[in-house]
Amino acid sequence: MDLPRDREKPSIDRSLRRFLESKRVRFVSVNQGTAEQYALVYRMLRSKGRPIPTNDMWVAASALQHGLAVFTYDSHFEVLDGLISGNQLSIFEL
């Protein structure tokens, strides 16, 4: 018996592959510079008393390092100085 998730998986896989192949998607490597930016993000959040999940700190560090914006529905990114984030395309310069 197929569960609904099993039937939807090929469609989700195709959608993910199409998204990842989009010209709007850019892969960046994590390196020493990212780790240094992570430390700055951590220190900034700690000084503000506004922690965010560890994975999101890595996302923020990578975006800041490479001058990228973050499209997200997580409002906690807004506390990071210098990071452009939001969930409306109008926020981003296209």
N, C-alpha and C. Protein backbone atom coordinates (compact mmCIF):
# COMPACT_ATOMS: atom_id res chain seq x y z
N MET A 1 0.84 -1.19 0.00
CA MET A 1 0.00 0.00 0.00
C MET A 1 0.88 1.24 0.00
N ASP A 2 0.64 2.13 -0.94
CA ASP A 2 1.39 3.37 -1.01
C ASP A 2 0.81 4.39 -0.05
N LEU A 3 1.68 5.00 0.71
CA LEU A 3 1.27 6.12 1.55
C LEU A 3 1.27 7.38 0.70
N PRO A 4 0.49 8.38 1.05
CA PRO A 4 0.47 9.62 0.26
C PRO A 4 1.87 10.19 0.04
N ARG A 5 2.70 10.13 1.04
CA ARG A 5 4.05 10.67 0.89
C ARG A 5 4.83 9.90 -0.17
N ASP A 6 4.65 8.59 -0.22
CA ASP A 6 5.35 7.78 -1.21
C ASP A 6 4.93 8.16 -2.63
N ARG A 7 3.66 8.42 -2.82
CA ARG A 7 3.17 8.80 -4.15
C ARG A 7 3.65 10.19 -4.54
N GLU A 8 3.83 11.08 -3.56
CA GLU A 8 4.24 12.46 -3.84
C GLU A 8 5.75 12.60 -4.01
N LYS A 9 6.53 11.63 -3.56
CA LYS A 9 7.98 11.74 -3.56
C LYS A 9 8.57 12.04 -4.95
N PRO A 10 8.18 11.34 -6.02
CA PRO A 10 8.76 11.68 -7.33
C PRO A 10 8.49 13.14 -7.74
N SER A 11 7.31 13.63 -7.43
CA SER A 11 6.98 15.02 -7.76
C SER A 11 7.82 15.99 -6.94
N ILE A 12 8.01 15.69 -5.66
CA ILE A 12 8.84 16.53 -4.80
C ILE A 12 10.28 16.49 -5.28
N ASP A 13 10.77 15.31 -5.64
CA ASP A 13 12.14 15.18 -6.15
C ASP A 13 12.33 16.00 -7.42
N ARG A 14 11.37 15.95 -8.33
CA ARG A 14 11.46 16.75 -9.57
C ARG A 14 11.46 18.23 -9.26
N SER A 15 10.60 18.64 -8.35
CA SER A 15 10.53 20.06 -7.99
C SER A 15 11.83 20.53 -7.35
N LEU A 16 12.40 19.72 -6.47
CA LEU A 16 13.66 20.07 -5.83
C LEU A 16 14.77 20.15 -6.86
N ARG A 17 14.85 19.17 -7.75
CA ARG A 17 15.89 19.18 -8.78
C ARG A 17 15.76 20.42 -9.68
N ARG A 18 14.53 20.75 -10.08
CA ARG A 18 14.29 21.93 -10.92
C ARG A 18 14.71 23.21 -10.17
N PHE A 19 14.39 23.29 -8.88
CA PHE A 19 14.78 24.45 -8.08
C PHE A 19 16.30 24.56 -8.00
N LEU A 20 16.97 23.45 -7.70
CA LEU A 20 18.42 23.47 -7.54
C LEU A 20 19.15 23.79 -8.84
N GLU A 21 18.53 23.49 -9.97
CA GLU A 21 19.13 23.79 -11.27
C GLU A 21 18.83 25.20 -11.76
N SER A 22 18.01 25.92 -11.02
CA SER A 22 17.64 27.29 -11.38
C SER A 22 18.85 28.21 -11.34
N LYS A 23 18.85 29.20 -12.22
CA LYS A 23 19.93 30.19 -12.22
C LYS A 23 19.89 31.07 -10.98
N ARG A 24 18.76 31.05 -10.26
CA ARG A 24 18.64 31.85 -9.04
C ARG A 24 19.31 31.20 -7.84
N VAL A 25 19.64 29.93 -7.96
CA VAL A 25 20.25 29.19 -6.86
C VAL A 25 21.76 29.20 -7.02
N ARG A 26 22.43 29.51 -5.94
CA ARG A 26 23.89 29.55 -5.96
C ARG A 26 24.41 28.73 -4.79
N PHE A 27 25.30 27.80 -5.08
CA PHE A 27 25.91 26.99 -4.04
C PHE A 27 27.19 27.68 -3.59
N VAL A 28 27.41 27.73 -2.29
CA VAL A 28 28.63 28.32 -1.76
C VAL A 28 29.28 27.29 -0.82
N SER A 29 30.59 27.33 -0.77
CA SER A 29 31.33 26.41 0.09
C SER A 29 31.49 27.01 1.48
N VAL A 30 31.53 26.14 2.46
CA VAL A 30 31.84 26.55 3.82
C VAL A 30 33.36 26.42 3.97
N ASN A 31 33.98 27.49 4.43
CA ASN A 31 35.43 27.49 4.56
C ASN A 31 35.83 28.29 5.81
N GLN A 32 37.09 28.59 5.93
CA GLN A 32 37.59 29.35 7.09
C GLN A 32 36.88 30.70 7.21
N GLY A 33 36.65 31.36 6.10
CA GLY A 33 35.95 32.64 6.13
C GLY A 33 34.54 32.52 6.66
N THR A 34 33.89 31.42 6.32
CA THR A 34 32.53 31.18 6.82
C THR A 34 32.56 30.98 8.33
N ALA A 35 33.55 30.24 8.80
CA ALA A 35 33.68 30.00 10.24
C ALA A 35 33.93 31.31 10.98
N GLU A 36 34.75 32.18 10.41
CA GLU A 36 35.00 33.48 11.03
C GLU A 36 33.74 34.33 11.05
N GLN A 37 32.98 34.29 9.96
CA GLN A 37 31.71 35.04 9.90
C GLN A 37 30.72 34.46 10.90
N TYR A 38 30.71 33.14 11.06
CA TYR A 38 29.85 32.48 12.04
C TYR A 38 30.16 33.00 13.44
N ALA A 39 31.44 33.14 13.75
CA ALA A 39 31.83 33.64 15.07
C ALA A 39 31.30 35.06 15.27
N LEU A 40 31.34 35.88 14.23
CA LEU A 40 30.81 37.25 14.34
C LEU A 40 29.30 37.23 14.53
N VAL A 41 28.62 36.37 13.80
CA VAL A 41 27.16 36.24 13.94
C VAL A 41 26.82 35.79 15.36
N TYR A 42 27.53 34.78 15.84
CA TYR A 42 27.29 34.27 17.20
C TYR A 42 27.48 35.38 18.23
N ARG A 43 28.57 36.13 18.10
CA ARG A 43 28.86 37.20 19.05
C ARG A 43 27.79 38.30 18.99
N MET A 44 27.35 38.65 17.76
CA MET A 44 26.32 39.67 17.60
C MET A 44 25.02 39.24 18.28
N LEU A 45 24.62 38.00 18.02
CA LEU A 45 23.37 37.50 18.60
C LEU A 45 23.47 37.40 20.12
N ARG A 46 24.61 36.97 20.60
CA ARG A 46 24.80 36.86 22.06
C ARG A 46 24.72 38.23 22.72
N SER A 47 25.34 39.23 22.09
CA SER A 47 25.32 40.58 22.67
C SER A 47 23.91 41.17 22.68
N LYS A 48 23.08 40.73 21.73
CA LYS A 48 21.69 41.20 21.67
C LYS A 48 20.76 40.34 22.51
N GLY A 49 21.29 39.21 23.01
CA GLY A 49 20.44 38.29 23.77
C GLY A 49 19.37 37.65 22.91
N ARG A 50 19.69 37.44 21.64
CA ARG A 50 18.71 36.92 20.68
C ARG A 50 19.26 35.70 19.94
N PRO A 51 19.38 34.56 20.60
CA PRO A 51 19.91 33.39 19.91
C PRO A 51 18.97 32.90 18.81
N ILE A 52 19.56 32.28 17.81
CA ILE A 52 18.77 31.63 16.76
C ILE A 52 19.34 30.22 16.59
N PRO A 53 18.63 29.33 15.91
CA PRO A 53 19.13 27.96 15.74
C PRO A 53 20.51 27.93 15.06
N THR A 54 21.33 26.97 15.46
CA THR A 54 22.69 26.85 14.95
C THR A 54 22.72 26.77 13.42
N ASN A 55 21.88 25.97 12.83
CA ASN A 55 21.87 25.86 11.37
C ASN A 55 21.59 27.20 10.71
N ASP A 56 20.71 27.98 11.31
CA ASP A 56 20.41 29.30 10.75
C ASP A 56 21.58 30.26 10.90
N MET A 57 22.38 30.08 11.94
CA MET A 57 23.59 30.92 12.06
C MET A 57 24.55 30.61 10.93
N TRP A 58 24.65 29.34 10.53
CA TRP A 58 25.51 28.98 9.38
C TRP A 58 24.96 29.57 8.09
N VAL A 59 23.66 29.53 7.92
CA VAL A 59 23.04 30.14 6.73
C VAL A 59 23.35 31.63 6.70
N ALA A 60 23.16 32.31 7.83
CA ALA A 60 23.43 33.74 7.92
C ALA A 60 24.90 34.05 7.66
N ALA A 61 25.78 33.27 8.25
CA ALA A 61 27.22 33.47 8.06
C ALA A 61 27.60 33.33 6.59
N SER A 62 27.08 32.32 5.93
CA SER A 62 27.37 32.10 4.51
C SER A 62 26.84 33.25 3.67
N ALA A 63 25.61 33.69 3.96
CA ALA A 63 25.02 34.79 3.20
C ALA A 63 25.82 36.07 3.40
N LEU A 64 26.18 36.38 4.63
CA LEU A 64 26.96 37.59 4.90
C LEU A 64 28.33 37.52 4.24
N GLN A 65 28.96 36.37 4.30
CA GLN A 65 30.29 36.20 3.71
C GLN A 65 30.27 36.47 2.21
N HIS A 66 29.22 36.03 1.54
CA HIS A 66 29.16 36.12 0.08
C HIS A 66 28.28 37.26 -0.42
N GLY A 67 27.78 38.09 0.50
CA GLY A 67 26.95 39.22 0.10
C GLY A 67 25.61 38.81 -0.49
N LEU A 68 25.03 37.75 0.06
CA LEU A 68 23.76 37.22 -0.45
C LEU A 68 22.62 37.54 0.50
N ALA A 69 21.41 37.54 -0.03
CA ALA A 69 20.21 37.72 0.78
C ALA A 69 19.62 36.33 1.08
N VAL A 70 18.77 36.27 2.11
CA VAL A 70 18.15 35.01 2.52
C VAL A 70 16.64 35.15 2.40
N PHE A 71 16.04 34.33 1.53
CA PHE A 71 14.59 34.27 1.44
C PHE A 71 14.12 33.27 2.47
N THR A 72 13.36 33.73 3.45
CA THR A 72 12.97 32.88 4.56
C THR A 72 11.68 33.38 5.20
N TYR A 73 10.98 32.46 5.83
CA TYR A 73 9.81 32.83 6.62
C TYR A 73 10.16 32.93 8.10
N ASP A 74 11.43 32.71 8.44
CA ASP A 74 11.89 32.81 9.82
C ASP A 74 12.26 34.25 10.14
N SER A 75 11.51 34.89 10.99
CA SER A 75 11.73 36.31 11.29
C SER A 75 12.97 36.55 12.14
N HIS A 76 13.54 35.50 12.74
CA HIS A 76 14.69 35.73 13.60
C HIS A 76 15.93 36.19 12.82
N PHE A 77 15.94 36.04 11.51
CA PHE A 77 17.07 36.55 10.73
C PHE A 77 17.11 38.08 10.74
N GLU A 78 15.98 38.70 11.03
CA GLU A 78 15.90 40.17 11.00
C GLU A 78 16.79 40.85 12.04
N VAL A 79 17.20 40.14 13.08
CA VAL A 79 18.02 40.75 14.12
C VAL A 79 19.50 40.86 13.72
N LEU A 80 19.86 40.27 12.59
CA LEU A 80 21.26 40.28 12.16
C LEU A 80 21.56 41.52 11.34
N ASP A 81 22.42 42.37 11.87
CA ASP A 81 22.81 43.58 11.16
C ASP A 81 23.52 43.23 9.85
N GLY A 82 23.12 43.90 8.79
CA GLY A 82 23.78 43.71 7.51
C GLY A 82 23.24 42.58 6.66
N LEU A 83 22.31 41.79 7.20
CA LEU A 83 21.75 40.67 6.44
C LEU A 83 20.39 41.07 5.89
N ILE A 84 20.22 40.93 4.60
CA ILE A 84 18.92 41.17 3.98
C ILE A 84 18.16 39.86 3.99
N SER A 85 16.98 39.87 4.60
CA SER A 85 16.18 38.65 4.67
C SER A 85 14.71 39.02 4.65
N GLY A 86 13.89 38.07 4.25
CA GLY A 86 12.45 38.28 4.23
C GLY A 86 11.78 37.24 3.38
N ASN A 87 10.46 37.40 3.22
CA ASN A 87 9.69 36.42 2.46
C ASN A 87 8.84 37.05 1.36
N GLN A 88 9.20 38.24 0.96
CA GLN A 88 8.52 38.94 -0.13
C GLN A 88 9.55 39.25 -1.21
N LEU A 89 9.28 38.88 -2.44
CA LEU A 89 10.25 39.14 -3.50
C LEU A 89 10.54 40.64 -3.66
N SER A 90 9.58 41.47 -3.29
CA SER A 90 9.77 42.92 -3.42
C SER A 90 10.90 43.44 -2.52
N ILE A 91 11.26 42.68 -1.49
CA ILE A 91 12.34 43.07 -0.59
C ILE A 91 13.69 42.98 -1.29
N PHE A 92 13.79 42.08 -2.24
CA PHE A 92 15.05 41.78 -2.90
C PHE A 92 15.16 42.50 -4.22
N GLU A 93 16.32 43.00 -4.51
CA GLU A 93 16.57 43.59 -5.81
C GLU A 93 16.77 42.46 -6.81
N LEU A 94 15.96 42.41 -7.83
CA LEU A 94 16.10 41.33 -8.81
C LEU A 94 16.80 41.81 -10.05
